[in-house]
C-alpha atoms as a PDB file:
ATOM      1  CA  MET A   1     132.798 146.770  94.731  1.00  0.00           C
ATOM      2  CA  SER A   2     132.747 146.388  90.994  1.00  0.00           C
ATOM      3  CA  SER A   3     130.304 143.985  89.372  1.00  0.00           C
ATOM      4  CA  ALA A   4     133.180 141.898  88.035  1.00  0.00           C
ATOM      5  CA  ALA A   5     134.561 141.404  91.547  1.00  0.00           C
ATOM      6  CA  GLY A   6     131.085 140.597  92.860  1.00  0.00           C
ATOM      7  CA  ALA A   7     130.506 138.035  90.098  1.00  0.00           C
ATOM      8  CA  LYS A   8     133.864 136.453  90.795  1.00  0.00           C
ATOM      9  CA  ARG A   9     132.925 135.993  94.456  1.00  0.00           C
ATOM     10  CA  GLY A  10     129.488 134.698  93.559  1.00  0.00           C
ATOM     11  CA  THR A  11     127.627 137.506  95.304  1.00  0.00           C
ATOM     12  CA  MET A  12     126.212 139.273  92.257  1.00  0.00           C
ATOM     13  CA  GLY A  13     125.193 137.907  88.887  1.00  0.00           C
ATOM     14  CA  GLY A  14     126.727 134.435  89.242  1.00  0.00           C
ATOM     15  CA  THR A  15     126.077 131.883  86.516  1.00  0.00           C
ATOM     16  CA  ASN A  16     125.100 129.053  88.871  1.00  0.00           C
ATOM     17  CA  PRO A  17     121.340 129.302  89.716  1.00  0.00           C
ATOM     18  CA  GLU A  18     121.874 127.430  92.998  1.00  0.00           C
ATOM     19  CA  GLU A  19     124.632 129.762  94.175  1.00  0.00           C
ATOM     20  CA  GLY A  20     123.922 131.184  97.578  1.00  0.00           C
ATOM     21  CA  VAL A  21     121.134 128.665  98.353  1.00  0.00           C
ATOM     22  CA  ALA A  22     121.529 127.517 101.927  1.00  0.00           C
ATOM     23  CA  MET A  23     120.869 123.959 103.003  1.00  0.00           C
ATOM     24  CA  PRO A  24     117.854 123.483 105.290  1.00  0.00           C
ATOM     25  CA  GLY A  25     118.629 123.099 108.979  1.00  0.00           C
ATOM     26  CA  SER A  26     117.842 119.382 109.095  1.00  0.00           C
ATOM     27  CA  THR A  27     120.196 118.630 106.180  1.00  0.00           C
ATOM     28  CA  LYS A  28     122.959 120.733 107.689  1.00  0.00           C
ATOM     29  CA  ALA A  29     122.523 118.972 111.047  1.00  0.00           C
ATOM     30  CA  MET A  30     122.664 115.580 109.326  1.00  0.00           C
ATOM     31  CA  GLY A  31     125.880 116.615 107.569  1.00  0.00           C
ATOM     32  CA  VAL A  32     127.443 117.703 110.862  1.00  0.00           C
ATOM     33  CA  LEU A  33     126.346 114.425 112.460  1.00  0.00           C
ATOM     34  CA  THR A  34     127.849 112.432 109.586  1.00  0.00           C
ATOM     35  CA  ILE A  35     131.207 114.208 109.790  1.00  0.00           C
ATOM     36  CA  GLY A  36     131.198 113.886 113.593  1.00  0.00           C
ATOM     37  CA  GLY A  37     130.418 110.188 113.227  1.00  0.00           C
ATOM     38  CA  LEU A  38     133.341 109.780 110.822  1.00  0.00           C
ATOM     39  CA  VAL A  39     135.692 111.395 113.335  1.00  0.00           C
ATOM     40  CA  ALA A  40     134.339 109.201 116.171  1.00  0.00           C
ATOM     41  CA  VAL A  41     134.545 105.952 114.192  1.00  0.00           C
ATOM     42  CA  THR A  42     138.068 106.797 113.018  1.00  0.00           C
ATOM     43  CA  ALA A  43     139.189 107.598 116.576  1.00  0.00           C
ATOM     44  CA  TYR A  44     137.638 104.380 117.859  1.00  0.00           C
ATOM     45  CA  THR A  45     139.365 102.381 115.104  1.00  0.00           C
ATOM     46  CA  VAL A  46     142.749 103.971 115.886  1.00  0.00           C
ATOM     47  CA  ALA A  47     142.411 103.516 119.648  1.00  0.00           C
ATOM     48  CA  LEU A  48     140.746 100.099 119.950  1.00  0.00           C
ATOM     49  CA  GLY A  49     140.905  98.476 116.535  1.00  0.00           C
ATOM     50  CA  GLY A  50     138.489  98.209 113.668  1.00  0.00           C
ATOM     51  CA  ASN A  51     134.856  97.267 113.994  1.00  0.00           C
ATOM     52  CA  GLY A  52     133.024  96.510 110.773  1.00  0.00           C
ATOM     53  CA  TRP A  53     129.601  97.332 112.194  1.00  0.00           C
ATOM     54  CA  LEU A  54     130.694 100.859 113.110  1.00  0.00           C
ATOM     55  CA  TRP A  55     131.946 101.477 109.584  1.00  0.00           C
ATOM     56  CA  PHE A  56     128.781  99.946 108.134  1.00  0.00           C
ATOM     57  CA  GLY A  57     126.670 102.212 110.327  1.00  0.00           C
ATOM     58  CA  TRP A  58     128.676 105.257 109.238  1.00  0.00           C
ATOM     59  CA  ALA A  59     128.278 104.277 105.576  1.00  0.00           C
ATOM     60  CA  VAL A  60     124.500 104.021 106.007  1.00  0.00           C
ATOM     61  CA  LEU A  61     124.449 107.396 107.752  1.00  0.00           C
ATOM     62  CA  GLY A  62     126.516 108.873 104.899  1.00  0.00           C
ATOM     63  CA  LEU A  63     124.138 107.487 102.268  1.00  0.00           C
ATOM     64  CA  LEU A  64     121.137 108.880 104.149  1.00  0.00           C
ATOM     65  CA  THR A  65     122.810 112.270 104.334  1.00  0.00           C
ATOM     66  CA  LEU A  66     123.638 112.165 100.639  1.00  0.00           C
ATOM     67  CA  GLY A  67     120.019 111.295  99.903  1.00  0.00           C
ATOM     68  CA  MET A  68     118.832 114.278 101.918  1.00  0.00           C
ATOM     69  CA  VAL A  69     121.207 116.617 100.099  1.00  0.00           C
ATOM     70  CA  VAL A  70     120.102 115.362  96.693  1.00  0.00           C
ATOM     71  CA  SER A  71     116.396 115.515  97.540  1.00  0.00           C
ATOM     72  CA  ASP A  72     116.714 119.104  98.855  1.00  0.00           C
ATOM     73  CA  HIS A  73     118.099 120.327  95.532  1.00  0.00           C
ATOM     74  CA  THR A  74     115.431 118.798  93.313  1.00  0.00           C
END
């Protein structure tokens, strides 16, 4: 593999210092839970009608997840 091809893929000599940095397990789990919650709340809304508390709960979960992602990178 040439260095140009590696740099293009981000595997060698990338310009972004955070490239290749994995999220910690707890943050990744929180992200999966947030996406799963979005799917569940959407399915519930489609099947049984909207519920504002479910959407509020999902929004709070999303903000907590966003806070974890931001705090992990600082």
